[in-house]
Amino acid sequence: MKSPVLWLLGAISAASGILLMASGGIGVDGGDIAEVISKLGNDGLDDISLRSRGMIALTLIFAGIGMLVTANAGAWRETGGY
């Protein structure tokens, strides 16, 4: 394993990004997504947008995935190719 710290930071970063995205990273103007779409019907799906919190979440997700890929790149060499 290259660096356990890199594995942990990557996992924490990706998980934090997913949680941020789920807790307000996307939304609809005018209130809660479920309430607005229930009023607008299927036409409300076009109004869903990425919030500023969503941009931070995407950055954390991609940074976490990058760290995990970097930590894993070459792990096959340490195991003899298997």
PDB file of N, CA and C in Angstrom:
ATOM      1  N   MET A   1       0.858  -1.171   0.000  1.00  0.00           N
ATOM      2  CA  MET A   1       0.000   0.000   0.000  1.00  0.00           C
ATOM      3  C   MET A   1       0.899   1.227   0.000  1.00  0.00           C
ATOM      4  N   LYS A   2       0.569   2.168  -0.863  1.00  0.00           N
ATOM      5  CA  LYS A   2       1.405   3.343  -1.018  1.00  0.00           C
ATOM      6  C   LYS A   2       1.411   4.211   0.238  1.00  0.00           C
ATOM      7  N   SER A   3       0.267   4.683   0.609  1.00  0.00           N
ATOM      8  CA  SER A   3       0.185   5.546   1.780  1.00  0.00           C
ATOM      9  C   SER A   3      -1.197   5.423   2.411  1.00  0.00           C
ATOM     10  N   PRO A   4      -1.250   4.920   3.629  1.00  0.00           N
ATOM     11  CA  PRO A   4      -2.559   4.810   4.284  1.00  0.00           C
ATOM     12  C   PRO A   4      -3.219   6.174   4.493  1.00  0.00           C
ATOM     13  N   VAL A   5      -2.415   7.209   4.643  1.00  0.00           N
ATOM     14  CA  VAL A   5      -2.963   8.549   4.845  1.00  0.00           C
ATOM     15  C   VAL A   5      -3.685   9.012   3.573  1.00  0.00           C
ATOM     16  N   LEU A   6      -3.109   8.704   2.404  1.00  0.00           N
ATOM     17  CA  LEU A   6      -3.737   9.086   1.142  1.00  0.00           C
ATOM     18  C   LEU A   6      -5.054   8.342   0.944  1.00  0.00           C
ATOM     19  N   TRP A   7      -5.081   7.058   1.321  1.00  0.00           N
ATOM     20  CA  TRP A   7      -6.326   6.287   1.256  1.00  0.00           C
ATOM     21  C   TRP A   7      -7.395   6.930   2.138  1.00  0.00           C
ATOM     22  N   LEU A   8      -7.025   7.260   3.374  1.00  0.00           N
ATOM     23  CA  LEU A   8      -7.996   7.845   4.304  1.00  0.00           C
ATOM     24  C   LEU A   8      -8.483   9.212   3.840  1.00  0.00           C
ATOM     25  N   LEU A   9      -7.558  10.066   3.391  1.00  0.00           N
ATOM     26  CA  LEU A   9      -7.959  11.393   2.924  1.00  0.00           C
ATOM     27  C   LEU A   9      -8.860  11.293   1.694  1.00  0.00           C
ATOM     28  N   GLY A  10      -8.546  10.375   0.792  1.00  0.00           N
ATOM     29  CA  GLY A  10      -9.380  10.193  -0.393  1.00  0.00           C
ATOM     30  C   GLY A  10     -10.773   9.714  -0.038  1.00  0.00           C
ATOM     31  N   ALA A  11     -10.853   8.754   0.866  1.00  0.00           N
ATOM     32  CA  ALA A  11     -12.156   8.224   1.267  1.00  0.00           C
ATOM     33  C   ALA A  11     -12.979   9.274   2.017  1.00  0.00           C
ATOM     34  N   ILE A  12     -12.340  10.010   2.902  1.00  0.00           N
ATOM     35  CA  ILE A  12     -13.043  11.048   3.659  1.00  0.00           C
ATOM     36  C   ILE A  12     -13.510  12.165   2.730  1.00  0.00           C
ATOM     37  N   SER A  13     -12.667  12.540   1.781  1.00  0.00           N
ATOM     38  CA  SER A  13     -13.032  13.599   0.839  1.00  0.00           C
ATOM     39  C   SER A  13     -14.202  13.182  -0.038  1.00  0.00           C
ATOM     40  N   ALA A  14     -14.158  11.990  -0.589  1.00  0.00           N
ATOM     41  CA  ALA A  14     -15.245  11.517  -1.456  1.00  0.00           C
ATOM     42  C   ALA A  14     -16.545  11.370  -0.660  1.00  0.00           C
ATOM     43  N   ALA A  15     -16.469  10.821   0.529  1.00  0.00           N
ATOM     44  CA  ALA A  15     -17.663  10.644   1.352  1.00  0.00           C
ATOM     45  C   ALA A  15     -18.256  11.991   1.768  1.00  0.00           C
ATOM     46  N   SER A  16     -17.407  12.938   2.111  1.00  0.00           N
ATOM     47  CA  SER A  16     -17.898  14.270   2.481  1.00  0.00           C
ATOM     48  C   SER A  16     -18.587  14.942   1.298  1.00  0.00           C
ATOM     49  N   GLY A  17     -18.038  14.764   0.112  1.00  0.00           N
ATOM     50  CA  GLY A  17     -18.656  15.327  -1.079  1.00  0.00           C
ATOM     51  C   GLY A  17     -20.019  14.730  -1.352  1.00  0.00           C
ATOM     52  N   ILE A  18     -20.136  13.423  -1.175  1.00  0.00           N
ATOM     53  CA  ILE A  18     -21.427  12.759  -1.390  1.00  0.00           C
ATOM     54  C   ILE A  18     -22.451  13.258  -0.370  1.00  0.00           C
ATOM     55  N   LEU A  19     -22.027  13.405   0.879  1.00  0.00           N
ATOM     56  CA  LEU A  19     -22.948  13.907   1.909  1.00  0.00           C
ATOM     57  C   LEU A  19     -23.364  15.352   1.641  1.00  0.00           C
ATOM     58  N   LEU A  20     -22.425  16.178   1.206  1.00  0.00           N
ATOM     59  CA  LEU A  20     -22.768  17.564   0.883  1.00  0.00           C
ATOM     60  C   LEU A  20     -23.745  17.633  -0.287  1.00  0.00           C
ATOM     61  N   MET A  21     -23.523  16.778  -1.279  1.00  0.00           N
ATOM     62  CA  MET A  21     -24.420  16.780  -2.436  1.00  0.00           C
ATOM     63  C   MET A  21     -25.826  16.349  -2.030  1.00  0.00           C
ATOM     64  N   ALA A  22     -25.901  15.363  -1.148  1.00  0.00           N
ATOM     65  CA  ALA A  22     -27.204  14.860  -0.718  1.00  0.00           C
ATOM     66  C   ALA A  22     -27.929  15.829   0.209  1.00  0.00           C
ATOM     67  N   SER A  23     -27.181  16.685   0.898  1.00  0.00           N
ATOM     68  CA  SER A  23     -27.812  17.573   1.869  1.00  0.00           C
ATOM     69  C   SER A  23     -27.939  19.012   1.379  1.00  0.00           C
ATOM     70  N   GLY A  24     -28.172  19.189   0.106  1.00  0.00           N
ATOM     71  CA  GLY A  24     -28.419  20.540  -0.397  1.00  0.00           C
ATOM     72  C   GLY A  24     -27.535  20.949  -1.545  1.00  0.00           C
ATOM     73  N   GLY A  25     -26.857  20.034  -2.168  1.00  0.00           N
ATOM     74  CA  GLY A  25     -26.004  20.368  -3.301  1.00  0.00           C
ATOM     75  C   GLY A  25     -26.786  20.661  -4.568  1.00  0.00           C
ATOM     76  N   ILE A  26     -27.956  20.059  -4.664  1.00  0.00           N
ATOM     77  CA  ILE A  26     -28.847  20.353  -5.784  1.00  0.00           C
ATOM     78  C   ILE A  26     -30.172  20.830  -5.208  1.00  0.00           C
ATOM     79  N   GLY A  27     -30.885  21.629  -5.965  1.00  0.00           N
ATOM     80  CA  GLY A  27     -32.141  22.127  -5.435  1.00  0.00           C
ATOM     81  C   GLY A  27     -32.960  22.855  -6.478  1.00  0.00           C
ATOM     82  N   VAL A  28     -34.102  23.320  -6.043  1.00  0.00           N
ATOM     83  CA  VAL A  28     -35.035  24.061  -6.883  1.00  0.00           C
ATOM     84  C   VAL A  28     -35.373  25.356  -6.161  1.00  0.00           C
ATOM     85  N   ASP A  29     -35.428  26.455  -6.908  1.00  0.00           N
ATOM     86  CA  ASP A  29     -35.838  27.718  -6.298  1.00  0.00           C
ATOM     87  C   ASP A  29     -37.287  27.609  -5.839  1.00  0.00           C
ATOM     88  N   GLY A  30     -37.553  28.092  -4.670  1.00  0.00           N
ATOM     89  CA  GLY A  30     -38.923  28.103  -4.177  1.00  0.00           C
ATOM     90  C   GLY A  30     -39.206  27.107  -3.076  1.00  0.00           C
ATOM     91  N   GLY A  31     -38.189  26.398  -2.593  1.00  0.00           N
ATOM     92  CA  GLY A  31     -38.421  25.495  -1.476  1.00  0.00           C
ATOM     93  C   GLY A  31     -37.848  24.113  -1.678  1.00  0.00           C
ATOM     94  N   ASP A  32     -38.386  23.200  -0.914  1.00  0.00           N
ATOM     95  CA  ASP A  32     -37.935  21.818  -0.952  1.00  0.00           C
ATOM     96  C   ASP A  32     -38.247  21.209  -2.316  1.00  0.00           C
ATOM     97  N   ILE A  33     -37.346  20.389  -2.819  1.00  0.00           N
ATOM     98  CA  ILE A  33     -37.510  19.799  -4.148  1.00  0.00           C
ATOM     99  C   ILE A  33     -38.826  19.030  -4.253  1.00  0.00           C
ATOM    100  N   ALA A  34     -39.126  18.210  -3.254  1.00  0.00           N
ATOM    101  CA  ALA A  34     -40.342  17.391  -3.316  1.00  0.00           C
ATOM    102  C   ALA A  34     -41.595  18.259  -3.359  1.00  0.00           C
ATOM    103  N   GLU A  35     -41.619  19.347  -2.592  1.00  0.00           N
ATOM    104  CA  GLU A  35     -42.801  20.217  -2.584  1.00  0.00           C
ATOM    105  C   GLU A  35     -42.963  20.950  -3.907  1.00  0.00           C
ATOM    106  N   VAL A  36     -41.870  21.473  -4.441  1.00  0.00           N
ATOM    107  CA  VAL A  36     -41.951  22.243  -5.686  1.00  0.00           C
ATOM    108  C   VAL A  36     -42.346  21.336  -6.847  1.00  0.00           C
ATOM    109  N   ILE A  37     -41.746  20.156  -6.927  1.00  0.00           N
ATOM    110  CA  ILE A  37     -42.077  19.253  -8.032  1.00  0.00           C
ATOM    111  C   ILE A  37     -43.503  18.731  -7.892  1.00  0.00           C
ATOM    112  N   SER A  38     -43.981  18.554  -6.665  1.00  0.00           N
ATOM    113  CA  SER A  38     -45.370  18.108  -6.519  1.00  0.00           C
ATOM    114  C   SER A  38     -46.336  19.185  -6.995  1.00  0.00           C
ATOM    115  N   LYS A  39     -45.955  20.456  -6.893  1.00  0.00           N
ATOM    116  CA  LYS A  39     -46.802  21.539  -7.387  1.00  0.00           C
ATOM    117  C   LYS A  39     -46.680  21.700  -8.904  1.00  0.00           C
ATOM    118  N   LEU A  40     -45.451  21.566  -9.413  1.00  0.00           N
ATOM    119  CA  LEU A  40     -45.207  21.808 -10.832  1.00  0.00           C
ATOM    120  C   LEU A  40     -45.415  20.566 -11.689  1.00  0.00           C
ATOM    121  N   GLY A  41     -45.376  19.409 -11.081  1.00  0.00           N
ATOM    122  CA  GLY A  41     -45.450  18.170 -11.852  1.00  0.00           C
ATOM    123  C   GLY A  41     -44.097  17.857 -12.472  1.00  0.00           C
ATOM    124  N   ASN A  42     -44.098  17.085 -13.526  1.00  0.00           N
ATOM    125  CA  ASN A  42     -42.841  16.702 -14.165  1.00  0.00           C
ATOM    126  C   ASN A  42     -42.125  17.881 -14.810  1.00  0.00           C
ATOM    127  N   ASP A  43     -42.820  18.987 -15.026  1.00  0.00           N
ATOM    128  CA  ASP A  43     -42.181  20.165 -15.605  1.00  0.00           C
ATOM    129  C   ASP A  43     -41.174  20.785 -14.647  1.00  0.00           C
ATOM    130  N   GLY A  44     -41.270  20.476 -13.388  1.00  0.00           N
ATOM    131  CA  GLY A  44     -40.345  21.021 -12.397  1.00  0.00           C
ATOM    132  C   GLY A  44     -38.964  20.418 -12.463  1.00  0.00           C
ATOM    133  N   LEU A  45     -38.801  19.312 -13.156  1.00  0.00           N
ATOM    134  CA  LEU A  45     -37.485  18.680 -13.249  1.00  0.00           C
ATOM    135  C   LEU A  45     -36.484  19.559 -13.982  1.00  0.00           C
ATOM    136  N   ASP A  46     -36.960  20.398 -14.892  1.00  0.00           N
ATOM    137  CA  ASP A  46     -36.065  21.299 -15.617  1.00  0.00           C
ATOM    138  C   ASP A  46     -35.496  22.392 -14.716  1.00  0.00           C
ATOM    139  N   ASP A  47     -36.149  22.649 -13.593  1.00  0.00           N
ATOM    140  CA  ASP A  47     -35.729  23.729 -12.709  1.00  0.00           C
ATOM    141  C   ASP A  47     -34.695  23.298 -11.670  1.00  0.00           C
ATOM    142  N   ILE A  48     -34.352  22.022 -11.622  1.00  0.00           N
ATOM    143  CA  ILE A  48     -33.339  21.552 -10.670  1.00  0.00           C
ATOM    144  C   ILE A  48     -31.982  22.079 -11.103  1.00  0.00           C
ATOM    145  N   SER A  49     -31.261  22.660 -10.158  1.00  0.00           N
ATOM    146  CA  SER A  49     -29.967  23.243 -10.496  1.00  0.00           C
ATOM    147  C   SER A  49     -28.922  22.869  -9.452  1.00  0.00           C
ATOM    148  N   LEU A  50     -27.687  23.073  -9.826  1.00  0.00           N
ATOM    149  CA  LEU A  50     -26.553  22.808  -8.944  1.00  0.00           C
ATOM    150  C   LEU A  50     -26.282  24.067  -8.131  1.00  0.00           C
ATOM    151  N   ARG A  51     -26.308  23.956  -6.831  1.00  0.00           N
ATOM    152  CA  ARG A  51     -26.066  25.088  -5.929  1.00  0.00           C
ATOM    153  C   ARG A  51     -24.565  25.257  -5.697  1.00  0.00           C
ATOM    154  N   SER A  52     -24.189  26.313  -4.983  1.00  0.00           N
ATOM    155  CA  SER A  52     -22.772  26.529  -4.679  1.00  0.00           C
ATOM    156  C   SER A  52     -22.238  25.392  -3.813  1.00  0.00           C
ATOM    157  N   ARG A  53     -23.086  24.876  -2.953  1.00  0.00           N
ATOM    158  CA  ARG A  53     -22.708  23.727  -2.133  1.00  0.00           C
ATOM    159  C   ARG A  53     -22.465  22.495  -3.010  1.00  0.00           C
ATOM    160  N   GLY A  54     -23.192  22.418  -4.106  1.00  0.00           N
ATOM    161  CA  GLY A  54     -23.017  21.321  -5.047  1.00  0.00           C
ATOM    162  C   GLY A  54     -21.677  21.394  -5.757  1.00  0.00           C
ATOM    163  N   MET A  55     -21.211  22.594  -6.064  1.00  0.00           N
ATOM    164  CA  MET A  55     -19.895  22.740  -6.699  1.00  0.00           C
ATOM    165  C   MET A  55     -18.789  22.303  -5.743  1.00  0.00           C
ATOM    166  N   ILE A  56     -18.920  22.656  -4.473  1.00  0.00           N
ATOM    167  CA  ILE A  56     -17.949  22.217  -3.476  1.00  0.00           C
ATOM    168  C   ILE A  56     -17.997  20.698  -3.349  1.00  0.00           C
ATOM    169  N   ALA A  57     -19.206  20.149  -3.376  1.00  0.00           N
ATOM    170  CA  ALA A  57     -19.375  18.698  -3.268  1.00  0.00           C
ATOM    171  C   ALA A  57     -18.724  17.986  -4.445  1.00  0.00           C
ATOM    172  N   LEU A  58     -18.929  18.487  -5.652  1.00  0.00           N
ATOM    173  CA  LEU A  58     -18.303  17.868  -6.819  1.00  0.00           C
ATOM    174  C   LEU A  58     -16.784  17.941  -6.750  1.00  0.00           C
ATOM    175  N   THR A  59     -16.269  19.069  -6.272  1.00  0.00           N
ATOM    176  CA  THR A  59     -14.822  19.210  -6.113  1.00  0.00           C
ATOM    177  C   THR A  59     -14.280  18.183  -5.119  1.00  0.00           C
ATOM    178  N   LEU A  60     -14.976  18.021  -3.998  1.00  0.00           N
ATOM    179  CA  LEU A  60     -14.548  17.037  -3.001  1.00  0.00           C
ATOM    180  C   LEU A  60     -14.623  15.611  -3.541  1.00  0.00           C
ATOM    181  N   ILE A  61     -15.677  15.306  -4.290  1.00  0.00           N
ATOM    182  CA  ILE A  61     -15.829  13.960  -4.846  1.00  0.00           C
ATOM    183  C   ILE A  61     -14.698  13.662  -5.827  1.00  0.00           C
ATOM    184  N   PHE A  62     -14.443  14.584  -6.753  1.00  0.00           N
ATOM    185  CA  PHE A  62     -13.392  14.339  -7.741  1.00  0.00           C
ATOM    186  C   PHE A  62     -12.000  14.328  -7.113  1.00  0.00           C
ATOM    187  N   ALA A  63     -11.769  15.174  -6.110  1.00  0.00           N
ATOM    188  CA  ALA A  63     -10.480  15.157  -5.418  1.00  0.00           C
ATOM    189  C   ALA A  63     -10.295  13.834  -4.673  1.00  0.00           C
ATOM    190  N   GLY A  64     -11.363  13.358  -4.035  1.00  0.00           N
ATOM    191  CA  GLY A  64     -11.290  12.086  -3.320  1.00  0.00           C
ATOM    192  C   GLY A  64     -11.036  10.926  -4.257  1.00  0.00           C
ATOM    193  N   ILE A  65     -11.723  10.918  -5.397  1.00  0.00           N
ATOM    194  CA  ILE A  65     -11.500   9.850  -6.374  1.00  0.00           C
ATOM    195  C   ILE A  65     -10.071   9.917  -6.908  1.00  0.00           C
ATOM    196  N   GLY A  66      -9.586  11.122  -7.145  1.00  0.00           N
ATOM    197  CA  GLY A  66      -8.201  11.275  -7.604  1.00  0.00           C
ATOM    198  C   GLY A  66      -7.200  10.746  -6.592  1.00  0.00           C
ATOM    199  N   MET A  67      -7.423  11.031  -5.321  1.00  0.00           N
ATOM    200  CA  MET A  67      -6.520  10.529  -4.280  1.00  0.00           C
ATOM    201  C   MET A  67      -6.572   9.008  -4.195  1.00  0.00           C
ATOM    202  N   LEU A  68      -7.770   8.436  -4.307  1.00  0.00           N
ATOM    203  CA  LEU A  68      -7.898   6.982  -4.234  1.00  0.00           C
ATOM    204  C   LEU A  68      -7.251   6.309  -5.442  1.00  0.00           C
ATOM    205  N   VAL A  69      -7.393   6.903  -6.621  1.00  0.00           N
ATOM    206  CA  VAL A  69      -6.752   6.344  -7.810  1.00  0.00           C
ATOM    207  C   VAL A  69      -5.238   6.426  -7.678  1.00  0.00           C
ATOM    208  N   THR A  70      -4.744   7.565  -7.185  1.00  0.00           N
ATOM    209  CA  THR A  70      -3.303   7.720  -6.991  1.00  0.00           C
ATOM    210  C   THR A  70      -2.770   6.714  -5.980  1.00  0.00           C
ATOM    211  N   ALA A  71      -3.493   6.509  -4.900  1.00  0.00           N
ATOM    212  CA  ALA A  71      -3.064   5.567  -3.873  1.00  0.00           C
ATOM    213  C   ALA A  71      -3.092   4.133  -4.395  1.00  0.00           C
ATOM    214  N   ASN A  72      -3.987   3.854  -5.332  1.00  0.00           N
ATOM    215  CA  ASN A  72      -4.137   2.503  -5.843  1.00  0.00           C
ATOM    216  C   ASN A  72      -3.262   2.227  -7.063  1.00  0.00           C
ATOM    217  N   ALA A  73      -2.762   3.276  -7.711  1.00  0.00           N
ATOM    218  CA  ALA A  73      -1.985   3.093  -8.940  1.00  0.00           C
ATOM    219  C   ALA A  73      -0.673   2.383  -8.636  1.00  0.00           C
ATOM    220  N   GLY A  74      -0.512   1.230  -9.001  1.00  0.00           N
ATOM    221  CA  GLY A  74       0.727   0.505  -8.726  1.00  0.00           C
ATOM    222  C   GLY A  74       0.594  -0.481  -7.597  1.00  0.00           C
ATOM    223  N   ALA A  75      -0.584  -0.606  -7.025  1.00  0.00           N
ATOM    224  CA  ALA A  75      -0.774  -1.592  -5.965  1.00  0.00           C
ATOM    225  C   ALA A  75      -0.586  -2.998  -6.516  1.00  0.00           C
ATOM    226  N   TRP A  76      -0.851  -3.186  -7.806  1.00  0.00           N
ATOM    227  CA  TRP A  76      -0.680  -4.503  -8.410  1.00  0.00           C
ATOM    228  C   TRP A  76       0.790  -4.913  -8.421  1.00  0.00           C
ATOM    229  N   ARG A  77       1.706  -3.934  -8.469  1.00  0.00           N
ATOM    230  CA  ARG A  77       3.138  -4.262  -8.417  1.00  0.00           C
ATOM    231  C   ARG A  77       3.530  -4.838  -7.049  1.00  0.00           C
ATOM    232  N   GLU A  78       2.929  -4.298  -6.009  1.00  0.00           N
ATOM    233  CA  GLU A  78       3.248  -4.754  -4.655  1.00  0.00           C
ATOM    234  C   GLU A  78       2.724  -6.152  -4.371  1.00  0.00           C
ATOM    235  N   THR A  79       1.721  -6.584  -5.131  1.00  0.00           N
ATOM    236  CA  THR A  79       1.159  -7.914  -4.917  1.00  0.00           C
ATOM    237  C   THR A  79       1.683  -8.925  -5.927  1.00  0.00           C
ATOM    238  N   GLY A  80       2.642  -8.551  -6.732  1.00  0.00           N
ATOM    239  CA  GLY A  80       3.187  -9.461  -7.715  1.00  0.00           C
ATOM    240  C   GLY A  80       2.302  -9.578  -8.955  1.00  0.00           C
ATOM    241  N   GLY A  81       1.437  -8.640  -9.175  1.00  0.00           N
ATOM    242  CA  GLY A  81       0.580  -8.653 -10.357  1.00  0.00           C
ATOM    243  C   GLY A  81      -0.746  -9.323 -10.148  1.00  0.00           C
ATOM    244  N   TYR A  82      -1.030  -9.788  -8.957  1.00  0.00           N
ATOM    245  CA  TYR A  82      -2.303 -10.449  -8.697  1.00  0.00           C
ATOM    246  C   TYR A  82      -3.094  -9.711  -7.660  1.00  0.00           C
TER     247      TYR A  82
END
